[in-house]
Amino acid sequence: MPETLGDDNPDALPSPLRASCVWWTLRAVLRLLLTIMLGYRARGVKRVAAQGGGLVLINHQSNFDPMLVGLPLARPISYMARDSLFPLPVIGWILKRTYVVPISREAAGSESIRELIRRIEHGFLVGVFPEGTRTHDGRMGEFKPGFLAVARRARMPLYPVGIAGAYKAW
């Protein structure tokens, strides 16, 4: 479990309504840069509940997708990322401080699903890329079955999110 999710109790989760200061800083800088440089905009943000858990289903076009989806929201989204990213010096430090759940692509299974459901039940928005990986040609890929298990078990709202233009920008 990432070090920042609990002080004394490693299983404790932080407030799902309050983003970490690392995320607030990244959010402010990225929002400014992406809006100026790429004309970033978001629509339909008011449809996401201000509190309570939910599953955010996102198409995956670029490495920026988790940030692009989180930028307009006032509360954090908890994502999954492959465990091989966590040992990387800067990226791993950021992932550990922005509510990201490590997942092994080779052994992805019930433990990861249980953790995502736990976070949704705690009140987090959990972001999932049903395709499992980024597109190689800009088109939607085939959905992997894992997200269905989370959706069925969590029984919380589903928020479909479409990203357009990130593949070309990347």
N, C-alpha and C. Protein backbone atom coordinates (compact mmCIF):
# COMPACT_ATOMS: atom_id res chain seq x y z
N MET A 1 0.86 -1.18 0.00
CA MET A 1 0.00 0.00 0.00
C MET A 1 0.90 1.23 0.00
N PRO A 2 0.60 2.25 -0.79
CA PRO A 2 1.41 3.45 -0.83
C PRO A 2 1.53 4.09 0.54
N GLU A 3 2.71 4.66 0.79
CA GLU A 3 3.02 5.18 2.10
C GLU A 3 2.14 6.32 2.57
N THR A 4 1.54 7.08 1.69
CA THR A 4 0.78 8.25 2.10
C THR A 4 -0.68 7.96 2.38
N LEU A 5 -1.13 6.74 2.19
CA LEU A 5 -2.54 6.47 2.39
C LEU A 5 -2.92 6.25 3.84
N GLY A 6 -1.98 6.02 4.69
CA GLY A 6 -2.28 5.86 6.09
C GLY A 6 -1.10 6.25 6.94
N ASP A 7 -1.34 6.91 8.05
CA ASP A 7 -0.25 7.31 8.92
C ASP A 7 0.22 6.13 9.76
N ASP A 8 -0.61 5.71 10.71
CA ASP A 8 -0.25 4.60 11.58
C ASP A 8 -0.77 3.28 11.05
N ASN A 9 -1.87 3.32 10.36
CA ASN A 9 -2.50 2.13 9.83
C ASN A 9 -2.29 2.06 8.32
N PRO A 10 -1.51 1.10 7.84
CA PRO A 10 -1.24 1.04 6.40
C PRO A 10 -2.48 0.75 5.56
N ASP A 11 -3.55 0.25 6.18
CA ASP A 11 -4.78 -0.03 5.44
C ASP A 11 -5.76 1.14 5.45
N ALA A 12 -5.45 2.19 6.21
CA ALA A 12 -6.35 3.34 6.28
C ALA A 12 -6.30 4.12 4.98
N LEU A 13 -7.45 4.63 4.58
CA LEU A 13 -7.54 5.44 3.37
C LEU A 13 -7.76 6.90 3.76
N PRO A 14 -7.21 7.83 2.98
CA PRO A 14 -7.43 9.25 3.27
C PRO A 14 -8.83 9.66 2.83
N SER A 15 -9.17 10.90 3.08
CA SER A 15 -10.47 11.41 2.65
C SER A 15 -10.56 11.39 1.13
N PRO A 16 -11.64 10.85 0.60
CA PRO A 16 -11.81 10.82 -0.85
C PRO A 16 -12.22 12.18 -1.42
N LEU A 17 -12.44 13.15 -0.55
CA LEU A 17 -12.88 14.47 -1.00
C LEU A 17 -11.74 15.49 -1.00
N ARG A 18 -10.59 15.11 -0.49
CA ARG A 18 -9.48 16.05 -0.39
C ARG A 18 -8.26 15.51 -1.10
N ALA A 19 -7.82 16.20 -2.13
CA ALA A 19 -6.65 15.79 -2.88
C ALA A 19 -5.38 16.15 -2.11
N SER A 20 -4.31 15.42 -2.37
CA SER A 20 -3.03 15.70 -1.74
C SER A 20 -2.46 17.01 -2.28
N CYS A 21 -1.54 17.61 -1.54
CA CYS A 21 -0.93 18.86 -2.00
C CYS A 21 -0.11 18.63 -3.27
N VAL A 22 0.41 17.42 -3.46
CA VAL A 22 1.14 17.11 -4.69
C VAL A 22 0.18 17.21 -5.87
N TRP A 23 -1.02 16.64 -5.72
CA TRP A 23 -2.00 16.70 -6.81
C TRP A 23 -2.45 18.14 -7.06
N TRP A 24 -2.71 18.92 -6.02
CA TRP A 24 -3.15 20.31 -6.20
C TRP A 24 -2.10 21.11 -6.97
N THR A 25 -0.83 20.90 -6.65
CA THR A 25 0.24 21.62 -7.34
C THR A 25 0.31 21.20 -8.80
N LEU A 26 0.34 19.89 -9.06
CA LEU A 26 0.36 19.39 -10.44
C LEU A 26 -0.87 19.89 -11.22
N ARG A 27 -1.99 19.84 -10.57
CA ARG A 27 -3.25 20.25 -11.21
C ARG A 27 -3.19 21.71 -11.66
N ALA A 28 -2.73 22.60 -10.80
CA ALA A 28 -2.67 24.02 -11.14
C ALA A 28 -1.73 24.28 -12.31
N VAL A 29 -0.55 23.68 -12.26
CA VAL A 29 0.44 23.89 -13.32
C VAL A 29 -0.05 23.29 -14.64
N LEU A 30 -0.52 22.06 -14.60
CA LEU A 30 -0.97 21.39 -15.82
C LEU A 30 -2.19 22.05 -16.43
N ARG A 31 -3.10 22.46 -15.60
CA ARG A 31 -4.30 23.12 -16.12
C ARG A 31 -3.94 24.36 -16.92
N LEU A 32 -3.04 25.15 -16.38
CA LEU A 32 -2.59 26.37 -17.06
C LEU A 32 -1.87 26.03 -18.36
N LEU A 33 -0.89 25.13 -18.29
CA LEU A 33 -0.11 24.77 -19.48
C LEU A 33 -0.96 24.13 -20.57
N LEU A 34 -1.77 23.16 -20.20
CA LEU A 34 -2.56 22.45 -21.20
C LEU A 34 -3.65 23.32 -21.82
N THR A 35 -4.19 24.23 -21.05
CA THR A 35 -5.19 25.13 -21.60
C THR A 35 -4.55 26.08 -22.60
N ILE A 36 -3.41 26.63 -22.26
CA ILE A 36 -2.73 27.57 -23.14
C ILE A 36 -2.14 26.87 -24.36
N MET A 37 -1.43 25.78 -24.15
CA MET A 37 -0.72 25.11 -25.24
C MET A 37 -1.60 24.26 -26.14
N LEU A 38 -2.58 23.57 -25.56
CA LEU A 38 -3.36 22.60 -26.33
C LEU A 38 -4.85 22.91 -26.41
N GLY A 39 -5.29 24.00 -25.80
CA GLY A 39 -6.72 24.32 -25.83
C GLY A 39 -7.56 23.33 -25.03
N TYR A 40 -7.00 22.80 -23.95
CA TYR A 40 -7.70 21.82 -23.11
C TYR A 40 -9.03 22.38 -22.62
N ARG A 41 -10.07 21.54 -22.65
CA ARG A 41 -11.36 21.89 -22.08
C ARG A 41 -12.07 20.60 -21.66
N ALA A 42 -12.95 20.77 -20.70
CA ALA A 42 -13.72 19.62 -20.20
C ALA A 42 -15.20 19.96 -20.23
N ARG A 43 -16.01 18.97 -20.55
CA ARG A 43 -17.47 19.16 -20.58
C ARG A 43 -18.13 18.10 -19.72
N GLY A 44 -19.27 18.46 -19.14
CA GLY A 44 -20.06 17.51 -18.38
C GLY A 44 -19.57 17.24 -16.97
N VAL A 45 -18.67 18.06 -16.47
CA VAL A 45 -18.08 17.84 -15.14
C VAL A 45 -19.14 17.89 -14.05
N LYS A 46 -20.17 18.69 -14.23
CA LYS A 46 -21.22 18.83 -13.21
C LYS A 46 -22.05 17.57 -13.04
N ARG A 47 -21.90 16.63 -13.95
CA ARG A 47 -22.64 15.36 -13.85
C ARG A 47 -22.00 14.40 -12.86
N VAL A 48 -20.77 14.68 -12.46
CA VAL A 48 -20.08 13.84 -11.48
C VAL A 48 -20.48 14.30 -10.09
N ALA A 49 -20.96 13.38 -9.28
CA ALA A 49 -21.41 13.70 -7.92
C ALA A 49 -20.28 14.34 -7.11
N ALA A 50 -20.64 15.27 -6.26
CA ALA A 50 -19.64 15.97 -5.44
C ALA A 50 -19.05 15.07 -4.37
N GLN A 51 -19.74 14.01 -4.03
CA GLN A 51 -19.22 13.05 -3.05
C GLN A 51 -19.80 11.68 -3.33
N GLY A 52 -19.22 10.68 -2.70
CA GLY A 52 -19.65 9.31 -2.92
C GLY A 52 -18.79 8.63 -3.96
N GLY A 53 -18.69 7.33 -3.85
CA GLY A 53 -17.85 6.56 -4.76
C GLY A 53 -18.46 6.42 -6.14
N GLY A 54 -17.61 6.09 -7.08
CA GLY A 54 -18.05 5.87 -8.44
C GLY A 54 -16.92 5.34 -9.28
N LEU A 55 -17.26 4.73 -10.39
CA LEU A 55 -16.27 4.17 -11.30
C LEU A 55 -16.24 5.04 -12.56
N VAL A 56 -15.07 5.58 -12.86
CA VAL A 56 -14.88 6.45 -14.02
C VAL A 56 -14.25 5.60 -15.11
N LEU A 57 -14.98 5.39 -16.21
CA LEU A 57 -14.51 4.56 -17.32
C LEU A 57 -14.00 5.47 -18.43
N ILE A 58 -12.72 5.33 -18.79
CA ILE A 58 -12.06 6.29 -19.67
C ILE A 58 -11.38 5.57 -20.84
N ASN A 59 -11.54 6.12 -22.05
CA ASN A 59 -10.74 5.60 -23.17
C ASN A 59 -9.29 6.07 -22.96
N HIS A 60 -8.33 5.30 -23.48
CA HIS A 60 -6.92 5.55 -23.16
C HIS A 60 -6.13 5.91 -24.41
N GLN A 61 -5.85 7.22 -24.56
CA GLN A 61 -5.15 7.71 -25.75
C GLN A 61 -3.69 8.08 -25.50
N SER A 62 -3.36 8.51 -24.28
CA SER A 62 -1.99 8.99 -24.04
C SER A 62 -1.60 8.81 -22.58
N ASN A 63 -0.34 9.08 -22.28
CA ASN A 63 0.14 9.03 -20.90
C ASN A 63 -0.48 10.13 -20.04
N PHE A 64 -1.02 11.16 -20.68
CA PHE A 64 -1.62 12.28 -19.96
C PHE A 64 -3.06 12.02 -19.51
N ASP A 65 -3.67 10.96 -19.96
CA ASP A 65 -5.10 10.72 -19.72
C ASP A 65 -5.52 10.81 -18.25
N PRO A 66 -4.81 10.19 -17.32
CA PRO A 66 -5.25 10.31 -15.92
C PRO A 66 -5.29 11.77 -15.46
N MET A 67 -4.32 12.54 -15.88
CA MET A 67 -4.29 13.94 -15.48
C MET A 67 -5.39 14.74 -16.18
N LEU A 68 -5.61 14.47 -17.47
CA LEU A 68 -6.63 15.19 -18.22
C LEU A 68 -8.02 15.01 -17.61
N VAL A 69 -8.30 13.80 -17.15
CA VAL A 69 -9.61 13.52 -16.56
C VAL A 69 -9.72 14.15 -15.18
N GLY A 70 -8.64 14.17 -14.43
CA GLY A 70 -8.68 14.71 -13.07
C GLY A 70 -8.62 16.22 -12.98
N LEU A 71 -8.12 16.88 -13.99
CA LEU A 71 -7.94 18.34 -13.92
C LEU A 71 -9.19 19.13 -13.57
N PRO A 72 -10.33 18.86 -14.17
CA PRO A 72 -11.49 19.70 -13.86
C PRO A 72 -12.23 19.33 -12.58
N LEU A 73 -11.85 18.25 -11.94
CA LEU A 73 -12.56 17.77 -10.75
C LEU A 73 -11.97 18.36 -9.47
N ALA A 74 -12.83 18.64 -8.52
CA ALA A 74 -12.39 19.19 -7.24
C ALA A 74 -11.87 18.11 -6.29
N ARG A 75 -12.16 16.86 -6.58
CA ARG A 75 -11.69 15.78 -5.71
C ARG A 75 -10.85 14.80 -6.52
N PRO A 76 -10.03 14.03 -5.83
CA PRO A 76 -9.10 13.15 -6.54
C PRO A 76 -9.76 11.91 -7.12
N ILE A 77 -9.10 11.36 -8.13
CA ILE A 77 -9.48 10.08 -8.71
C ILE A 77 -8.37 9.10 -8.36
N SER A 78 -8.73 7.93 -7.92
CA SER A 78 -7.76 6.89 -7.62
C SER A 78 -7.66 5.98 -8.85
N TYR A 79 -6.45 5.86 -9.38
CA TYR A 79 -6.22 5.05 -10.57
C TYR A 79 -5.40 3.81 -10.23
N MET A 80 -5.32 2.91 -11.18
CA MET A 80 -4.38 1.79 -11.11
C MET A 80 -3.25 2.12 -12.08
N ALA A 81 -2.05 1.70 -11.72
CA ALA A 81 -0.91 1.84 -12.63
C ALA A 81 -0.03 0.61 -12.45
N ARG A 82 0.64 0.24 -13.51
CA ARG A 82 1.48 -0.96 -13.42
C ARG A 82 2.57 -0.75 -12.37
N ASP A 83 2.82 -1.79 -11.62
CA ASP A 83 3.74 -1.73 -10.49
C ASP A 83 5.18 -1.38 -10.89
N SER A 84 5.54 -1.59 -12.14
CA SER A 84 6.90 -1.28 -12.59
C SER A 84 7.17 0.23 -12.63
N LEU A 85 6.12 1.06 -12.54
CA LEU A 85 6.32 2.51 -12.53
C LEU A 85 6.69 3.04 -11.15
N PHE A 86 6.34 2.32 -10.10
CA PHE A 86 6.54 2.82 -8.74
C PHE A 86 8.01 2.96 -8.33
N PRO A 87 8.93 2.11 -8.79
CA PRO A 87 10.33 2.30 -8.43
C PRO A 87 11.02 3.47 -9.14
N LEU A 88 10.41 4.02 -10.18
CA LEU A 88 11.02 5.13 -10.92
C LEU A 88 11.08 6.37 -10.02
N PRO A 89 12.23 7.06 -10.00
CA PRO A 89 12.43 8.15 -9.04
C PRO A 89 11.31 9.21 -8.98
N VAL A 90 11.07 9.97 -9.97
CA VAL A 90 10.09 11.05 -9.90
C VAL A 90 8.66 10.51 -10.08
N ILE A 91 8.47 9.68 -11.07
CA ILE A 91 7.13 9.15 -11.36
C ILE A 91 6.60 8.35 -10.17
N GLY A 92 7.41 7.48 -9.61
CA GLY A 92 6.98 6.68 -8.46
C GLY A 92 6.61 7.53 -7.26
N TRP A 93 7.39 8.57 -7.02
CA TRP A 93 7.12 9.48 -5.90
C TRP A 93 5.75 10.14 -6.08
N ILE A 94 5.47 10.60 -7.29
CA ILE A 94 4.18 11.24 -7.59
C ILE A 94 3.04 10.23 -7.46
N LEU A 95 3.20 9.04 -8.03
CA LEU A 95 2.14 8.03 -7.97
C LEU A 95 1.77 7.69 -6.54
N LYS A 96 2.77 7.55 -5.68
CA LYS A 96 2.51 7.19 -4.28
C LYS A 96 1.75 8.28 -3.54
N ARG A 97 1.84 9.51 -4.02
CA ARG A 97 1.21 10.63 -3.34
C ARG A 97 -0.07 11.12 -4.00
N THR A 98 -0.52 10.40 -5.02
CA THR A 98 -1.76 10.80 -5.70
C THR A 98 -2.75 9.64 -5.79
N TYR A 99 -2.76 8.77 -4.78
CA TYR A 99 -3.77 7.74 -4.60
C TYR A 99 -3.78 6.66 -5.68
N VAL A 100 -2.65 6.40 -6.30
CA VAL A 100 -2.58 5.39 -7.35
C VAL A 100 -2.33 4.02 -6.73
N VAL A 101 -3.03 3.02 -7.24
CA VAL A 101 -2.92 1.64 -6.77
C VAL A 101 -2.00 0.87 -7.71
N PRO A 102 -0.92 0.27 -7.19
CA PRO A 102 -0.06 -0.54 -8.06
C PRO A 102 -0.73 -1.84 -8.46
N ILE A 103 -0.52 -2.25 -9.71
CA ILE A 103 -1.08 -3.51 -10.18
C ILE A 103 -0.04 -4.21 -11.05
N SER A 104 0.07 -5.50 -10.87
CA SER A 104 0.98 -6.30 -11.68
C SER A 104 0.22 -6.78 -12.90
N ARG A 105 0.74 -6.48 -14.08
CA ARG A 105 0.05 -6.90 -15.31
C ARG A 105 0.06 -8.42 -15.45
N GLU A 106 1.11 -9.06 -14.94
CA GLU A 106 1.20 -10.51 -15.04
C GLU A 106 0.27 -11.22 -14.04
N ALA A 107 0.09 -10.60 -12.88
CA ALA A 107 -0.70 -11.25 -11.84
C ALA A 107 -1.91 -10.43 -11.43
N ALA A 108 -2.44 -9.64 -12.35
CA ALA A 108 -3.62 -8.83 -12.03
C ALA A 108 -4.76 -9.76 -11.68
N GLY A 109 -5.32 -9.55 -10.53
CA GLY A 109 -6.38 -10.46 -10.13
C GLY A 109 -7.28 -9.89 -9.08
N SER A 110 -7.77 -10.76 -8.24
CA SER A 110 -8.81 -10.38 -7.29
C SER A 110 -8.33 -9.38 -6.25
N GLU A 111 -7.04 -9.38 -5.90
CA GLU A 111 -6.55 -8.42 -4.90
C GLU A 111 -6.71 -6.98 -5.38
N SER A 112 -6.36 -6.72 -6.64
CA SER A 112 -6.51 -5.38 -7.20
C SER A 112 -7.98 -4.99 -7.29
N ILE A 113 -8.82 -5.91 -7.68
CA ILE A 113 -10.25 -5.64 -7.78
C ILE A 113 -10.82 -5.32 -6.40
N ARG A 114 -10.43 -6.09 -5.39
CA ARG A 114 -10.90 -5.83 -4.03
C ARG A 114 -10.47 -4.45 -3.54
N GLU A 115 -9.23 -4.06 -3.87
CA GLU A 115 -8.74 -2.74 -3.44
C GLU A 115 -9.52 -1.61 -4.12
N LEU A 116 -9.81 -1.76 -5.39
CA LEU A 116 -10.58 -0.73 -6.09
C LEU A 116 -11.99 -0.62 -5.52
N ILE A 117 -12.62 -1.76 -5.23
CA ILE A 117 -13.96 -1.76 -4.64
C ILE A 117 -13.92 -1.11 -3.26
N ARG A 118 -12.89 -1.41 -2.49
CA ARG A 118 -12.73 -0.80 -1.16
C ARG A 118 -12.66 0.72 -1.26
N ARG A 119 -11.93 1.19 -2.25
CA ARG A 119 -11.80 2.64 -2.44
C ARG A 119 -13.12 3.26 -2.87
N ILE A 120 -13.84 2.60 -3.77
CA ILE A 120 -15.14 3.11 -4.21
C ILE A 120 -16.10 3.17 -3.02
N GLU A 121 -16.14 2.11 -2.23
CA GLU A 121 -17.02 2.08 -1.06
C GLU A 121 -16.63 3.13 -0.03
N HIS A 122 -15.35 3.48 0.02
CA HIS A 122 -14.86 4.53 0.92
C HIS A 122 -15.29 5.91 0.43
N GLY A 123 -15.66 6.01 -0.85
CA GLY A 123 -16.11 7.29 -1.39
C GLY A 123 -15.24 7.86 -2.50
N PHE A 124 -14.21 7.13 -2.91
CA PHE A 124 -13.34 7.61 -3.98
C PHE A 124 -14.00 7.43 -5.34
N LEU A 125 -13.63 8.30 -6.25
CA LEU A 125 -13.84 8.05 -7.67
C LEU A 125 -12.65 7.19 -8.08
N VAL A 126 -12.91 6.10 -8.76
CA VAL A 126 -11.85 5.21 -9.20
C VAL A 126 -11.83 5.23 -10.73
N GLY A 127 -10.69 5.60 -11.29
CA GLY A 127 -10.55 5.68 -12.74
C GLY A 127 -10.00 4.39 -13.32
N VAL A 128 -10.67 3.88 -14.34
CA VAL A 128 -10.28 2.64 -14.98
C VAL A 128 -10.27 2.85 -16.50
N PHE A 129 -9.28 2.26 -17.15
CA PHE A 129 -9.20 2.28 -18.60
C PHE A 129 -9.59 0.88 -19.08
N PRO A 130 -10.84 0.70 -19.52
CA PRO A 130 -11.32 -0.64 -19.88
C PRO A 130 -10.49 -1.32 -20.97
N GLU A 131 -9.79 -0.54 -21.79
CA GLU A 131 -8.95 -1.14 -22.83
C GLU A 131 -7.69 -1.77 -22.24
N GLY A 132 -7.32 -1.34 -21.04
CA GLY A 132 -6.17 -1.92 -20.37
C GLY A 132 -4.84 -1.29 -20.73
N THR A 133 -4.76 -0.64 -21.86
CA THR A 133 -3.51 0.00 -22.29
C THR A 133 -3.84 1.11 -23.28
N ARG A 134 -2.85 1.93 -23.59
CA ARG A 134 -3.08 3.03 -24.52
C ARG A 134 -3.29 2.51 -25.94
N THR A 135 -4.02 3.29 -26.72
CA THR A 135 -4.25 2.97 -28.12
C THR A 135 -2.94 3.07 -28.91
N HIS A 136 -2.80 2.24 -29.92
CA HIS A 136 -1.61 2.28 -30.77
C HIS A 136 -1.86 3.02 -32.07
N ASP A 137 -3.16 3.30 -32.35
CA ASP A 137 -3.49 3.95 -33.61
C ASP A 137 -4.55 5.05 -33.47
N GLY A 138 -4.93 5.39 -32.25
CA GLY A 138 -5.92 6.43 -32.03
C GLY A 138 -7.35 5.92 -31.93
N ARG A 139 -7.58 4.66 -32.26
CA ARG A 139 -8.92 4.08 -32.18
C ARG A 139 -9.12 3.34 -30.86
N MET A 140 -10.38 3.16 -30.49
CA MET A 140 -10.70 2.40 -29.28
C MET A 140 -10.24 0.96 -29.45
N GLY A 141 -9.70 0.40 -28.38
CA GLY A 141 -9.29 -0.99 -28.39
C GLY A 141 -10.36 -1.87 -27.78
N GLU A 142 -10.09 -3.15 -27.78
CA GLU A 142 -11.00 -4.12 -27.19
C GLU A 142 -10.97 -3.98 -25.67
N PHE A 143 -12.14 -4.03 -25.04
CA PHE A 143 -12.22 -3.91 -23.58
C PHE A 143 -11.76 -5.21 -22.92
N LYS A 144 -11.05 -5.07 -21.81
CA LYS A 144 -10.64 -6.20 -20.99
C LYS A 144 -11.76 -6.48 -19.98
N PRO A 145 -11.91 -7.70 -19.52
CA PRO A 145 -13.03 -8.04 -18.65
C PRO A 145 -12.92 -7.55 -17.21
N GLY A 146 -11.74 -7.15 -16.75
CA GLY A 146 -11.55 -6.80 -15.34
C GLY A 146 -12.43 -5.67 -14.84
N PHE A 147 -12.65 -4.65 -15.67
CA PHE A 147 -13.45 -3.52 -15.21
C PHE A 147 -14.90 -3.92 -14.94
N LEU A 148 -15.39 -4.94 -15.64
CA LEU A 148 -16.76 -5.40 -15.41
C LEU A 148 -16.92 -5.99 -14.01
N ALA A 149 -15.89 -6.67 -13.54
CA ALA A 149 -15.94 -7.25 -12.19
C ALA A 149 -16.04 -6.14 -11.14
N VAL A 150 -15.29 -5.07 -11.34
CA VAL A 150 -15.34 -3.95 -10.40
C VAL A 150 -16.72 -3.30 -10.46
N ALA A 151 -17.23 -3.06 -11.66
CA ALA A 151 -18.53 -2.41 -11.82
C ALA A 151 -19.65 -3.23 -11.18
N ARG A 152 -19.62 -4.54 -11.37
CA ARG A 152 -20.68 -5.40 -10.82
C ARG A 152 -20.62 -5.45 -9.30
N ARG A 153 -19.43 -5.57 -8.76
CA ARG A 153 -19.30 -5.72 -7.31
C ARG A 153 -19.49 -4.43 -6.55
N ALA A 154 -19.05 -3.32 -7.12
CA ALA A 154 -19.12 -2.04 -6.40
C ALA A 154 -20.53 -1.49 -6.32
N ARG A 155 -21.33 -1.71 -7.36
CA ARG A 155 -22.71 -1.22 -7.40
C ARG A 155 -22.79 0.27 -7.07
N MET A 156 -21.96 1.03 -7.72
CA MET A 156 -21.91 2.48 -7.56
C MET A 156 -22.08 3.11 -8.94
N PRO A 157 -22.24 4.43 -9.00
CA PRO A 157 -22.42 5.08 -10.29
C PRO A 157 -21.24 4.84 -11.24
N LEU A 158 -21.55 4.75 -12.53
CA LEU A 158 -20.53 4.66 -13.58
C LEU A 158 -20.51 5.99 -14.31
N TYR A 159 -19.31 6.52 -14.51
CA TYR A 159 -19.14 7.79 -15.22
C TYR A 159 -18.30 7.53 -16.46
N PRO A 160 -18.94 7.43 -17.64
CA PRO A 160 -18.16 7.24 -18.86
C PRO A 160 -17.50 8.56 -19.26
N VAL A 161 -16.22 8.50 -19.61
CA VAL A 161 -15.47 9.69 -20.01
C VAL A 161 -14.79 9.41 -21.34
N GLY A 162 -14.98 10.32 -22.27
CA GLY A 162 -14.33 10.21 -23.57
C GLY A 162 -13.26 11.27 -23.72
N ILE A 163 -12.08 10.86 -24.08
CA ILE A 163 -10.97 11.79 -24.33
C ILE A 163 -10.79 11.88 -25.84
N ALA A 164 -10.73 13.09 -26.34
CA ALA A 164 -10.52 13.30 -27.77
C ALA A 164 -9.31 14.21 -27.97
N GLY A 165 -8.45 13.85 -28.90
CA GLY A 165 -7.32 14.70 -29.26
C GLY A 165 -6.02 14.41 -28.53
N ALA A 166 -6.06 13.63 -27.47
CA ALA A 166 -4.84 13.37 -26.70
C ALA A 166 -3.86 12.50 -27.49
N TYR A 167 -4.37 11.61 -28.31
CA TYR A 167 -3.49 10.74 -29.12
C TYR A 167 -2.66 11.58 -30.08
N LYS A 168 -3.31 12.51 -30.75
CA LYS A 168 -2.59 13.38 -31.69
C LYS A 168 -1.63 14.32 -30.96
N ALA A 169 -2.06 14.84 -29.83
CA ALA A 169 -1.21 15.76 -29.06
C ALA A 169 0.01 15.03 -28.52
N TRP A 170 -0.15 13.78 -28.14
CA TRP A 170 0.96 13.00 -27.59
C TRP A 170 1.95 12.71 -28.68
